[in-house]
Amino acid sequence: MSEEVMEQIKQQIENNSVLLFMKGSPRMPQCGFSSRAVQVLSACGERFAYVDVLAHPDIRANLPKYANWPTFPQLWVGGELVGGSDIISDLYEQGELQKMVKAASDSAEA
């Protein structure tokens, strides 16, 4: 694992209150799971940052080790890993994701 890449991942997570590591971009997701994650996050009504792991193979290779989570997408809220597409969809349906995203967004603006 590259120390520089690990530091870059850490900085991205710390500097973005809501961050989605995904395949593709919100406008052009490159897999169904990333597409679903973008739909759910967009429905929360708050802005979020993203990293296209297909455009950054070093991040794609190292993030699963950093996060101890093997798949993409990965949603990070307030510096904590929330999970992948299924988890965030379930949290959204329960009304929890909206609260988490709003709280993280509000604290970032304060």
PDB file of N, CA and C in Angstrom:
ATOM      1  N   MET A   1       0.836  -1.191   0.000  1.00  0.00           N
ATOM      2  CA  MET A   1       0.000   0.000   0.000  1.00  0.00           C
ATOM      3  C   MET A   1       0.879   1.252   0.000  1.00  0.00           C
ATOM      4  N   SER A   2       0.557   2.136  -0.879  1.00  0.00           N
ATOM      5  CA  SER A   2       1.302   3.377  -0.982  1.00  0.00           C
ATOM      6  C   SER A   2       0.876   4.341   0.132  1.00  0.00           C
ATOM      7  N   GLU A   3       1.864   4.820   0.868  1.00  0.00           N
ATOM      8  CA  GLU A   3       1.574   5.796   1.934  1.00  0.00           C
ATOM      9  C   GLU A   3       0.894   7.045   1.367  1.00  0.00           C
ATOM     10  N   GLU A   4       1.343   7.482   0.185  1.00  0.00           N
ATOM     11  CA  GLU A   4       0.772   8.687  -0.428  1.00  0.00           C
ATOM     12  C   GLU A   4      -0.698   8.483  -0.777  1.00  0.00           C
ATOM     13  N   VAL A   5      -1.025   7.322  -1.321  1.00  0.00           N
ATOM     14  CA  VAL A   5      -2.406   7.039  -1.693  1.00  0.00           C
ATOM     15  C   VAL A   5      -3.278   6.948  -0.451  1.00  0.00           C
ATOM     16  N   MET A   6      -2.767   6.295   0.591  1.00  0.00           N
ATOM     17  CA  MET A   6      -3.532   6.181   1.832  1.00  0.00           C
ATOM     18  C   MET A   6      -3.781   7.558   2.437  1.00  0.00           C
ATOM     19  N   GLU A   7      -2.799   8.425   2.388  1.00  0.00           N
ATOM     20  CA  GLU A   7      -2.956   9.787   2.903  1.00  0.00           C
ATOM     21  C   GLU A   7      -3.968  10.562   2.052  1.00  0.00           C
ATOM     22  N   GLN A   8      -3.925  10.354   0.748  1.00  0.00           N
ATOM     23  CA  GLN A   8      -4.881  11.020  -0.150  1.00  0.00           C
ATOM     24  C   GLN A   8      -6.310  10.577   0.179  1.00  0.00           C
ATOM     25  N   ILE A   9      -6.517   9.286   0.374  1.00  0.00           N
ATOM     26  CA  ILE A   9      -7.836   8.773   0.733  1.00  0.00           C
ATOM     27  C   ILE A   9      -8.301   9.391   2.050  1.00  0.00           C
ATOM     28  N   LYS A  10      -7.405   9.396   3.034  1.00  0.00           N
ATOM     29  CA  LYS A  10      -7.725   9.960   4.355  1.00  0.00           C
ATOM     30  C   LYS A  10      -8.138  11.428   4.226  1.00  0.00           C
ATOM     31  N   GLN A  11      -7.389  12.195   3.445  1.00  0.00           N
ATOM     32  CA  GLN A  11      -7.697  13.616   3.260  1.00  0.00           C
ATOM     33  C   GLN A  11      -9.048  13.809   2.569  1.00  0.00           C
ATOM     34  N   GLN A  12      -9.329  12.985   1.556  1.00  0.00           N
ATOM     35  CA  GLN A  12     -10.611  13.104   0.857  1.00  0.00           C
ATOM     36  C   GLN A  12     -11.771  12.863   1.822  1.00  0.00           C
ATOM     37  N   ILE A  13     -11.614  11.854   2.673  1.00  0.00           N
ATOM     38  CA  ILE A  13     -12.678  11.522   3.633  1.00  0.00           C
ATOM     39  C   ILE A  13     -12.835  12.645   4.664  1.00  0.00           C
ATOM     40  N   GLU A  14     -11.709  13.177   5.150  1.00  0.00           N
ATOM     41  CA  GLU A  14     -11.762  14.237   6.155  1.00  0.00           C
ATOM     42  C   GLU A  14     -12.292  15.554   5.586  1.00  0.00           C
ATOM     43  N   ASN A  15     -12.024  15.819   4.321  1.00  0.00           N
ATOM     44  CA  ASN A  15     -12.373  17.109   3.725  1.00  0.00           C
ATOM     45  C   ASN A  15     -13.765  17.163   3.109  1.00  0.00           C
ATOM     46  N   ASN A  16     -14.463  16.031   3.076  1.00  0.00           N
ATOM     47  CA  ASN A  16     -15.798  15.979   2.475  1.00  0.00           C
ATOM     48  C   ASN A  16     -16.757  15.309   3.454  1.00  0.00           C
ATOM     49  N   SER A  17     -17.752  16.057   3.907  1.00  0.00           N
ATOM     50  CA  SER A  17     -18.665  15.513   4.910  1.00  0.00           C
ATOM     51  C   SER A  17     -19.502  14.360   4.354  1.00  0.00           C
ATOM     52  N   VAL A  18     -19.798  14.403   3.057  1.00  0.00           N
ATOM     53  CA  VAL A  18     -20.520  13.304   2.400  1.00  0.00           C
ATOM     54  C   VAL A  18     -19.738  12.971   1.132  1.00  0.00           C
ATOM     55  N   LEU A  19     -19.179  11.774   1.095  1.00  0.00           N
ATOM     56  CA  LEU A  19     -18.287  11.390   0.000  1.00  0.00           C
ATOM     57  C   LEU A  19     -18.641  10.004  -0.496  1.00  0.00           C
ATOM     58  N   LEU A  20     -18.802   9.891  -1.809  1.00  0.00           N
ATOM     59  CA  LEU A  20     -19.115   8.612  -2.437  1.00  0.00           C
ATOM     60  C   LEU A  20     -17.959   8.207  -3.336  1.00  0.00           C
ATOM     61  N   PHE A  21     -17.326   7.094  -3.006  1.00  0.00           N
ATOM     62  CA  PHE A  21     -16.350   6.483  -3.901  1.00  0.00           C
ATOM     63  C   PHE A  21     -17.162   5.571  -4.811  1.00  0.00           C
ATOM     64  N   MET A  22     -17.125   5.828  -6.113  1.00  0.00           N
ATOM     65  CA  MET A  22     -18.022   5.128  -7.029  1.00  0.00           C
ATOM     66  C   MET A  22     -17.324   4.832  -8.348  1.00  0.00           C
ATOM     67  N   LYS A  23     -17.986   4.029  -9.160  1.00  0.00           N
ATOM     68  CA  LYS A  23     -17.514   3.770 -10.516  1.00  0.00           C
ATOM     69  C   LYS A  23     -18.256   4.724 -11.444  1.00  0.00           C
ATOM     70  N   GLY A  24     -17.490   5.633 -12.059  1.00  0.00           N
ATOM     71  CA  GLY A  24     -18.079   6.655 -12.914  1.00  0.00           C
ATOM     72  C   GLY A  24     -18.334   7.929 -12.142  1.00  0.00           C
ATOM     73  N   SER A  25     -19.270   8.719 -12.654  1.00  0.00           N
ATOM     74  CA  SER A  25     -19.623   9.994 -12.034  1.00  0.00           C
ATOM     75  C   SER A  25     -21.130  10.015 -11.787  1.00  0.00           C
ATOM     76  N   PRO A  26     -21.606  10.955 -10.963  1.00  0.00           N
ATOM     77  CA  PRO A  26     -23.053  11.030 -10.740  1.00  0.00           C
ATOM     78  C   PRO A  26     -23.852  11.191 -12.041  1.00  0.00           C
ATOM     79  N   ARG A  27     -23.294  11.897 -13.008  1.00  0.00           N
ATOM     80  CA  ARG A  27     -23.995  12.079 -14.280  1.00  0.00           C
ATOM     81  C   ARG A  27     -23.900  10.838 -15.176  1.00  0.00           C
ATOM     82  N   MET A  28     -22.818  10.065 -15.009  1.00  0.00           N
ATOM     83  CA  MET A  28     -22.618   8.871 -15.832  1.00  0.00           C
ATOM     84  C   MET A  28     -22.066   7.716 -15.000  1.00  0.00           C
ATOM     85  N   PRO A  29     -22.889   7.152 -14.118  1.00  0.00           N
ATOM     86  CA  PRO A  29     -22.424   6.012 -13.329  1.00  0.00           C
ATOM     87  C   PRO A  29     -22.060   4.849 -14.251  1.00  0.00           C
ATOM     88  N   GLN A  30     -21.037   4.094 -13.867  1.00  0.00           N
ATOM     89  CA  GLN A  30     -20.558   3.012 -14.711  1.00  0.00           C
ATOM     90  C   GLN A  30     -20.942   1.627 -14.196  1.00  0.00           C
ATOM     91  N   CYS A  31     -21.792   1.569 -13.185  1.00  0.00           N
ATOM     92  CA  CYS A  31     -22.343   0.284 -12.760  1.00  0.00           C
ATOM     93  C   CYS A  31     -23.680   0.548 -12.064  1.00  0.00           C
ATOM     94  N   GLY A  32     -24.500  -0.477 -12.002  1.00  0.00           N
ATOM     95  CA  GLY A  32     -25.830  -0.337 -11.416  1.00  0.00           C
ATOM     96  C   GLY A  32     -25.804   0.032  -9.951  1.00  0.00           C
ATOM     97  N   PHE A  33     -24.836  -0.499  -9.217  1.00  0.00           N
ATOM     98  CA  PHE A  33     -24.744  -0.200  -7.787  1.00  0.00           C
ATOM     99  C   PHE A  33     -24.397   1.272  -7.561  1.00  0.00           C
ATOM    100  N   SER A  34     -23.464   1.784  -8.363  1.00  0.00           N
ATOM    101  CA  SER A  34     -23.115   3.202  -8.246  1.00  0.00           C
ATOM    102  C   SER A  34     -24.291   4.079  -8.659  1.00  0.00           C
ATOM    103  N   SER A  35     -25.015   3.661  -9.694  1.00  0.00           N
ATOM    104  CA  SER A  35     -26.185   4.412 -10.139  1.00  0.00           C
ATOM    105  C   SER A  35     -27.230   4.494  -9.027  1.00  0.00           C
ATOM    106  N   ARG A  36     -27.483   3.367  -8.373  1.00  0.00           N
ATOM    107  CA  ARG A  36     -28.467   3.335  -7.279  1.00  0.00           C
ATOM    108  C   ARG A  36     -28.011   4.227  -6.119  1.00  0.00           C
ATOM    109  N   ALA A  37     -26.726   4.170  -5.796  1.00  0.00           N
ATOM    110  CA  ALA A  37     -26.199   4.990  -4.705  1.00  0.00           C
ATOM    111  C   ALA A  37     -26.383   6.477  -5.003  1.00  0.00           C
ATOM    112  N   VAL A  38     -26.131   6.881  -6.243  1.00  0.00           N
ATOM    113  CA  VAL A  38     -26.299   8.279  -6.639  1.00  0.00           C
ATOM    114  C   VAL A  38     -27.770   8.685  -6.541  1.00  0.00           C
ATOM    115  N   GLN A  39     -28.676   7.820  -6.989  1.00  0.00           N
ATOM    116  CA  GLN A  39     -30.107   8.130  -6.912  1.00  0.00           C
ATOM    117  C   GLN A  39     -30.533   8.357  -5.464  1.00  0.00           C
ATOM    118  N   VAL A  40     -30.103   7.469  -4.592  1.00  0.00           N
ATOM    119  CA  VAL A  40     -30.484   7.560  -3.183  1.00  0.00           C
ATOM    120  C   VAL A  40     -29.891   8.812  -2.546  1.00  0.00           C
ATOM    121  N   LEU A  41     -28.608   9.055  -2.791  1.00  0.00           N
ATOM    122  CA  LEU A  41     -27.965  10.245  -2.211  1.00  0.00           C
ATOM    123  C   LEU A  41     -28.598  11.523  -2.745  1.00  0.00           C
ATOM    124  N   SER A  42     -28.870  11.567  -4.030  1.00  0.00           N
ATOM    125  CA  SER A  42     -29.493  12.757  -4.622  1.00  0.00           C
ATOM    126  C   SER A  42     -30.862  13.014  -4.010  1.00  0.00           C
ATOM    127  N   ALA A  43     -31.586  11.951  -3.708  1.00  0.00           N
ATOM    128  CA  ALA A  43     -32.911  12.089  -3.105  1.00  0.00           C
ATOM    129  C   ALA A  43     -32.839  12.664  -1.696  1.00  0.00           C
ATOM    130  N   CYS A  44     -31.679  12.606  -1.064  1.00  0.00           N
ATOM    131  CA  CYS A  44     -31.518  13.189   0.274  1.00  0.00           C
ATOM    132  C   CYS A  44     -31.495  14.709   0.230  1.00  0.00           C
ATOM    133  N   GLY A  45     -31.231  15.275  -0.957  1.00  0.00           N
ATOM    134  CA  GLY A  45     -31.332  16.722  -1.129  1.00  0.00           C
ATOM    135  C   GLY A  45     -30.131  17.531  -0.685  1.00  0.00           C
ATOM    136  N   GLU A  46     -29.022  16.879  -0.356  1.00  0.00           N
ATOM    137  CA  GLU A  46     -27.816  17.606   0.046  1.00  0.00           C
ATOM    138  C   GLU A  46     -26.720  17.349  -0.982  1.00  0.00           C
ATOM    139  N   ARG A  47     -25.784  18.270  -1.060  1.00  0.00           N
ATOM    140  CA  ARG A  47     -24.657  18.094  -1.966  1.00  0.00           C
ATOM    141  C   ARG A  47     -23.726  17.015  -1.429  1.00  0.00           C
ATOM    142  N   PHE A  48     -23.071  16.314  -2.334  1.00  0.00           N
ATOM    143  CA  PHE A  48     -22.086  15.325  -1.934  1.00  0.00           C
ATOM    144  C   PHE A  48     -20.930  15.317  -2.925  1.00  0.00           C
ATOM    145  N   ALA A  49     -19.784  14.938  -2.431  1.00  0.00           N
ATOM    146  CA  ALA A  49     -18.595  14.804  -3.271  1.00  0.00           C
ATOM    147  C   ALA A  49     -18.490  13.360  -3.744  1.00  0.00           C
ATOM    148  N   TYR A  50     -17.724  13.168  -4.798  1.00  0.00           N
ATOM    149  CA  TYR A  50     -17.516  11.803  -5.273  1.00  0.00           C
ATOM    150  C   TYR A  50     -16.098  11.649  -5.810  1.00  0.00           C
ATOM    151  N   VAL A  51     -15.644  10.414  -5.834  1.00  0.00           N
ATOM    152  CA  VAL A  51     -14.378  10.059  -6.457  1.00  0.00           C
ATOM    153  C   VAL A  51     -14.673   8.904  -7.402  1.00  0.00           C
ATOM    154  N   ASP A  52     -14.284   9.069  -8.665  1.00  0.00           N
ATOM    155  CA  ASP A  52     -14.450   8.015  -9.661  1.00  0.00           C
ATOM    156  C   ASP A  52     -13.263   7.063  -9.542  1.00  0.00           C
ATOM    157  N   VAL A  53     -13.499   5.884  -8.975  1.00  0.00           N
ATOM    158  CA  VAL A  53     -12.396   4.944  -8.754  1.00  0.00           C
ATOM    159  C   VAL A  53     -11.883   4.347 -10.062  1.00  0.00           C
ATOM    160  N   LEU A  54     -12.677   4.420 -11.130  1.00  0.00           N
ATOM    161  CA  LEU A  54     -12.198   3.934 -12.430  1.00  0.00           C
ATOM    162  C   LEU A  54     -11.138   4.871 -12.999  1.00  0.00           C
ATOM    163  N   ALA A  55     -11.248   6.148 -12.687  1.00  0.00           N
ATOM    164  CA  ALA A  55     -10.272   7.136 -13.152  1.00  0.00           C
ATOM    165  C   ALA A  55      -9.045   7.197 -12.243  1.00  0.00           C
ATOM    166  N   HIS A  56      -9.132   6.568 -11.079  1.00  0.00           N
ATOM    167  CA  HIS A  56      -8.047   6.581 -10.095  1.00  0.00           C
ATOM    168  C   HIS A  56      -7.754   5.153  -9.636  1.00  0.00           C
ATOM    169  N   PRO A  57      -7.046   4.377 -10.479  1.00  0.00           N
ATOM    170  CA  PRO A  57      -6.811   2.968 -10.142  1.00  0.00           C
ATOM    171  C   PRO A  57      -6.044   2.770  -8.833  1.00  0.00           C
ATOM    172  N   ASP A  58      -5.207   3.742  -8.462  1.00  0.00           N
ATOM    173  CA  ASP A  58      -4.471   3.625  -7.200  1.00  0.00           C
ATOM    174  C   ASP A  58      -5.439   3.686  -6.007  1.00  0.00           C
ATOM    175  N   ILE A  59      -6.435   4.553  -6.081  1.00  0.00           N
ATOM    176  CA  ILE A  59      -7.454   4.628  -5.021  1.00  0.00           C
ATOM    177  C   ILE A  59      -8.319   3.371  -5.053  1.00  0.00           C
ATOM    178  N   ARG A  60      -8.684   2.938  -6.249  1.00  0.00           N
ATOM    179  CA  ARG A  60      -9.508   1.730  -6.379  1.00  0.00           C
ATOM    180  C   ARG A  60      -8.805   0.525  -5.747  1.00  0.00           C
ATOM    181  N   ALA A  61      -7.490   0.449  -5.912  1.00  0.00           N
ATOM    182  CA  ALA A  61      -6.735  -0.684  -5.378  1.00  0.00           C
ATOM    183  C   ALA A  61      -6.552  -0.608  -3.866  1.00  0.00           C
ATOM    184  N   ASN A  62      -6.431   0.600  -3.332  1.00  0.00           N
ATOM    185  CA  ASN A  62      -6.091   0.758  -1.918  1.00  0.00           C
ATOM    186  C   ASN A  62      -7.267   1.025  -0.992  1.00  0.00           C
ATOM    187  N   LEU A  63      -8.339   1.605  -1.492  1.00  0.00           N
ATOM    188  CA  LEU A  63      -9.475   1.937  -0.621  1.00  0.00           C
ATOM    189  C   LEU A  63     -10.064   0.714   0.085  1.00  0.00           C
ATOM    190  N   PRO A  64     -10.218  -0.430  -0.586  1.00  0.00           N
ATOM    191  CA  PRO A  64     -10.747  -1.591   0.156  1.00  0.00           C
ATOM    192  C   PRO A  64      -9.890  -1.970   1.364  1.00  0.00           C
ATOM    193  N   LYS A  65      -8.584  -1.782   1.264  1.00  0.00           N
ATOM    194  CA  LYS A  65      -7.700  -2.066   2.402  1.00  0.00           C
ATOM    195  C   LYS A  65      -7.863  -0.995   3.481  1.00  0.00           C
ATOM    196  N   TYR A  66      -7.955   0.255   3.051  1.00  0.00           N
ATOM    197  CA  TYR A  66      -8.113   1.364   3.990  1.00  0.00           C
ATOM    198  C   TYR A  66      -9.415   1.213   4.777  1.00  0.00           C
ATOM    199  N   ALA A  67     -10.482   0.886   4.046  1.00  0.00           N
ATOM    200  CA  ALA A  67     -11.823   0.853   4.637  1.00  0.00           C
ATOM    201  C   ALA A  67     -12.184  -0.504   5.234  1.00  0.00           C
ATOM    202  N   ASN A  68     -11.407  -1.523   4.880  1.00  0.00           N
ATOM    203  CA  ASN A  68     -11.772  -2.900   5.238  1.00  0.00           C
ATOM    204  C   ASN A  68     -13.172  -3.218   4.696  1.00  0.00           C
ATOM    205  N   TRP A  69     -13.415  -2.753   3.467  1.00  0.00           N
ATOM    206  CA  TRP A  69     -14.686  -2.954   2.769  1.00  0.00           C
ATOM    207  C   TRP A  69     -14.329  -3.245   1.313  1.00  0.00           C
ATOM    208  N   PRO A  70     -14.687  -4.415   0.787  1.00  0.00           N
ATOM    209  CA  PRO A  70     -14.129  -4.860  -0.487  1.00  0.00           C
ATOM    210  C   PRO A  70     -14.745  -4.290  -1.753  1.00  0.00           C
ATOM    211  N   THR A  71     -15.933  -3.707  -1.671  1.00  0.00           N
ATOM    212  CA  THR A  71     -16.648  -3.363  -2.900  1.00  0.00           C
ATOM    213  C   THR A  71     -16.892  -1.864  -3.047  1.00  0.00           C
ATOM    214  N   PHE A  72     -17.340  -1.495  -4.236  1.00  0.00           N
ATOM    215  CA  PHE A  72     -17.749  -0.129  -4.566  1.00  0.00           C
ATOM    216  C   PHE A  72     -19.180  -0.174  -5.032  1.00  0.00           C
ATOM    217  N   PRO A  73     -19.943   0.887  -4.780  1.00  0.00           N
ATOM    218  CA  PRO A  73     -19.552   2.146  -4.162  1.00  0.00           C
ATOM    219  C   PRO A  73     -19.370   2.028  -2.648  1.00  0.00           C
ATOM    220  N   GLN A  74     -18.705   3.055  -2.119  1.00  0.00           N
ATOM    221  CA  GLN A  74     -18.550   3.205  -0.671  1.00  0.00           C
ATOM    222  C   GLN A  74     -18.995   4.614  -0.308  1.00  0.00           C
ATOM    223  N   LEU A  75     -19.922   4.702   0.626  1.00  0.00           N
ATOM    224  CA  LEU A  75     -20.385   6.003   1.094  1.00  0.00           C
ATOM    225  C   LEU A  75     -19.765   6.298   2.453  1.00  0.00           C
ATOM    226  N   TRP A  76     -19.171   7.480   2.560  1.00  0.00           N
ATOM    227  CA  TRP A  76     -18.591   7.969   3.814  1.00  0.00           C
ATOM    228  C   TRP A  76     -19.354   9.209   4.222  1.00  0.00           C
ATOM    229  N   VAL A  77     -19.843   9.234   5.442  1.00  0.00           N
ATOM    230  CA  VAL A  77     -20.581  10.383   5.971  1.00  0.00           C
ATOM    231  C   VAL A  77     -19.946  10.772   7.295  1.00  0.00           C
ATOM    232  N   GLY A  78     -19.533  12.033   7.389  1.00  0.00           N
ATOM    233  CA  GLY A  78     -18.904  12.512   8.621  1.00  0.00           C
ATOM    234  C   GLY A  78     -17.653  11.731   8.991  1.00  0.00           C
ATOM    235  N   GLY A  79     -16.912  11.288   7.986  1.00  0.00           N
ATOM    236  CA  GLY A  79     -15.665  10.570   8.232  1.00  0.00           C
ATOM    237  C   GLY A  79     -15.833   9.099   8.555  1.00  0.00           C
ATOM    238  N   GLU A  80     -17.075   8.609   8.539  1.00  0.00           N
ATOM    239  CA  GLU A  80     -17.344   7.205   8.870  1.00  0.00           C
ATOM    240  C   GLU A  80     -17.878   6.463   7.650  1.00  0.00           C
ATOM    241  N   LEU A  81     -17.411   5.246   7.462  1.00  0.00           N
ATOM    242  CA  LEU A  81     -17.929   4.412   6.385  1.00  0.00           C
ATOM    243  C   LEU A  81     -19.353   3.983   6.718  1.00  0.00           C
ATOM    244  N   VAL A  82     -20.278   4.287   5.822  1.00  0.00           N
ATOM    245  CA  VAL A  82     -21.669   3.864   5.985  1.00  0.00           C
ATOM    246  C   VAL A  82     -21.853   2.495   5.344  1.00  0.00           C
ATOM    247  N   GLY A  83     -21.358   2.328   4.143  1.00  0.00           N
ATOM    248  CA  GLY A  83     -21.449   1.053   3.458  1.00  0.00           C
ATOM    249  C   GLY A  83     -21.663   1.221   1.972  1.00  0.00           C
ATOM    250  N   GLY A  84     -22.138   0.147   1.358  1.00  0.00           N
ATOM    251  CA  GLY A  84     -22.353   0.117  -0.070  1.00  0.00           C
ATOM    252  C   GLY A  84     -23.797   0.365  -0.453  1.00  0.00           C
ATOM    253  N   SER A  85     -24.099   0.052  -1.687  1.00  0.00           N
ATOM    254  CA  SER A  85     -25.397   0.375  -2.284  1.00  0.00           C
ATOM    255  C   SER A  85     -26.582  -0.205  -1.505  1.00  0.00           C
ATOM    256  N   ASP A  86     -26.517  -1.481  -1.148  1.00  0.00           N
ATOM    257  CA  ASP A  86     -27.645  -2.102  -0.439  1.00  0.00           C
ATOM    258  C   ASP A  86     -27.882  -1.456   0.918  1.00  0.00           C
ATOM    259  N   ILE A  87     -26.806  -1.204   1.644  1.00  0.00           N
ATOM    260  CA  ILE A  87     -26.918  -0.617   2.981  1.00  0.00           C
ATOM    261  C   ILE A  87     -27.502   0.795   2.900  1.00  0.00           C
ATOM    262  N   ILE A  88     -26.976   1.598   1.974  1.00  0.00           N
ATOM    263  CA  ILE A  88     -27.480   2.975   1.919  1.00  0.00           C
ATOM    264  C   ILE A  88     -28.916   3.019   1.403  1.00  0.00           C
ATOM    265  N   SER A  89     -29.287   2.074   0.525  1.00  0.00           N
ATOM    266  CA  SER A  89     -30.686   1.998   0.080  1.00  0.00           C
ATOM    267  C   SER A  89     -31.599   1.650   1.252  1.00  0.00           C
ATOM    268  N   ASP A  90     -31.176   0.676   2.055  1.00  0.00           N
ATOM    269  CA  ASP A  90     -31.970   0.293   3.230  1.00  0.00           C
ATOM    270  C   ASP A  90     -32.095   1.450   4.213  1.00  0.00           C
ATOM    271  N   LEU A  91     -30.978   2.146   4.473  1.00  0.00           N
ATOM    272  CA  LEU A  91     -31.011   3.283   5.393  1.00  0.00           C
ATOM    273  C   LEU A  91     -31.919   4.387   4.861  1.00  0.00           C
ATOM    274  N   TYR A  92     -31.908   4.590   3.554  1.00  0.00           N
ATOM    275  CA  TYR A  92     -32.771   5.606   2.954  1.00  0.00           C
ATOM    276  C   TYR A  92     -34.238   5.242   3.156  1.00  0.00           C
ATOM    277  N   GLU A  93     -34.568   3.982   2.886  1.00  0.00           N
ATOM    278  CA  GLU A  93     -35.956   3.538   3.023  1.00  0.00           C
ATOM    279  C   GLU A  93     -36.447   3.649   4.467  1.00  0.00           C
ATOM    280  N   GLN A  94     -35.530   3.524   5.435  1.00  0.00           N
ATOM    281  CA  GLN A  94     -35.880   3.666   6.851  1.00  0.00           C
ATOM    282  C   GLN A  94     -35.897   5.122   7.297  1.00  0.00           C
ATOM    283  N   GLY A  95     -35.451   6.037   6.418  1.00  0.00           N
ATOM    284  CA  GLY A  95     -35.405   7.448   6.761  1.00  0.00           C
ATOM    285  C   GLY A  95     -34.156   7.858   7.523  1.00  0.00           C
ATOM    286  N   GLU A  96     -33.230   6.931   7.703  1.00  0.00           N
ATOM    287  CA  GLU A  96     -32.015   7.217   8.481  1.00  0.00           C
ATOM    288  C   GLU A  96     -30.948   7.932   7.662  1.00  0.00           C
ATOM    289  N   LEU A  97     -30.806   7.553   6.396  1.00  0.00           N
ATOM    290  CA  LEU A  97     -29.752   8.147   5.567  1.00  0.00           C
ATOM    291  C   LEU A  97     -29.952   9.653   5.431  1.00  0.00           C
ATOM    292  N   GLN A  98     -31.199  10.071   5.232  1.00  0.00           N
ATOM    293  CA  GLN A  98     -31.482  11.495   5.091  1.00  0.00           C
ATOM    294  C   GLN A  98     -31.004  12.260   6.321  1.00  0.00           C
ATOM    295  N   LYS A  99     -31.255  11.714   7.512  1.00  0.00           N
ATOM    296  CA  LYS A  99     -30.828  12.366   8.759  1.00  0.00           C
ATOM    297  C   LYS A  99     -29.309  12.431   8.852  1.00  0.00           C
ATOM    298  N   MET A 100     -28.648  11.333   8.505  1.00  0.00           N
ATOM    299  CA  MET A 100     -27.185  11.281   8.575  1.00  0.00           C
ATOM    300  C   MET A 100     -26.556  12.306   7.634  1.00  0.00           C
ATOM    301  N   VAL A 101     -27.057  12.333   6.400  1.00  0.00           N
ATOM    302  CA  VAL A 101     -26.502  13.229   5.380  1.00  0.00           C
ATOM    303  C   VAL A 101     -26.763  14.683   5.763  1.00  0.00           C
ATOM    304  N   LYS A 102     -27.971  14.970   6.233  1.00  0.00           N
ATOM    305  CA  LYS A 102     -28.293  16.351   6.629  1.00  0.00           C
ATOM    306  C   LYS A 102     -27.428  16.796   7.796  1.00  0.00           C
ATOM    307  N   ALA A 103     -27.272  15.943   8.798  1.00  0.00           N
ATOM    308  CA  ALA A 103     -26.455  16.297   9.961  1.00  0.00           C
ATOM    309  C   ALA A 103     -25.006  16.546   9.547  1.00  0.00           C
ATOM    310  N   ALA A 104     -24.467  15.703   8.686  1.00  0.00           N
ATOM    311  CA  ALA A 104     -23.080  15.882   8.236  1.00  0.00           C
ATOM    312  C   ALA A 104     -22.939  17.153   7.410  1.00  0.00           C
ATOM    313  N   SER A 105     -23.909  17.421   6.560  1.00  0.00           N
ATOM    314  CA  SER A 105     -23.872  18.631   5.739  1.00  0.00           C
ATOM    315  C   SER A 105     -23.994  19.889   6.587  1.00  0.00           C
ATOM    316  N   ASP A 106     -24.904  19.847   7.574  1.00  0.00           N
ATOM    317  CA  ASP A 106     -25.081  20.993   8.471  1.00  0.00           C
ATOM    318  C   ASP A 106     -23.819  21.267   9.271  1.00  0.00           C
ATOM    319  N   SER A 107     -23.175  20.206   9.771  1.00  0.00           N
ATOM    320  CA  SER A 107     -21.965  20.414  10.585  1.00  0.00           C
ATOM    321  C   SER A 107     -20.810  20.912   9.730  1.00  0.00           C
ATOM    322  N   ALA A 108     -20.790  20.544   8.454  1.00  0.00           N
ATOM    323  CA  ALA A 108     -19.726  21.003   7.559  1.00  0.00           C
ATOM    324  C   ALA A 108     -19.879  22.486   7.257  1.00  0.00           C
ATOM    325  N   GLU A 109     -21.124  22.974   7.236  1.00  0.00           N
ATOM    326  CA  GLU A 109     -21.375  24.378   6.934  1.00  0.00           C
ATOM    327  C   GLU A 109     -21.180  25.270   8.145  1.00  0.00           C
ATOM    328  N   ALA A 110     -21.229  24.688   9.338  1.00  0.00           N
ATOM    329  CA  ALA A 110     -21.139  25.482  10.569  1.00  0.00           C
ATOM    330  C   ALA A 110     -19.734  25.998  10.796  1.00  0.00           C
TER     331      ALA A 110
END
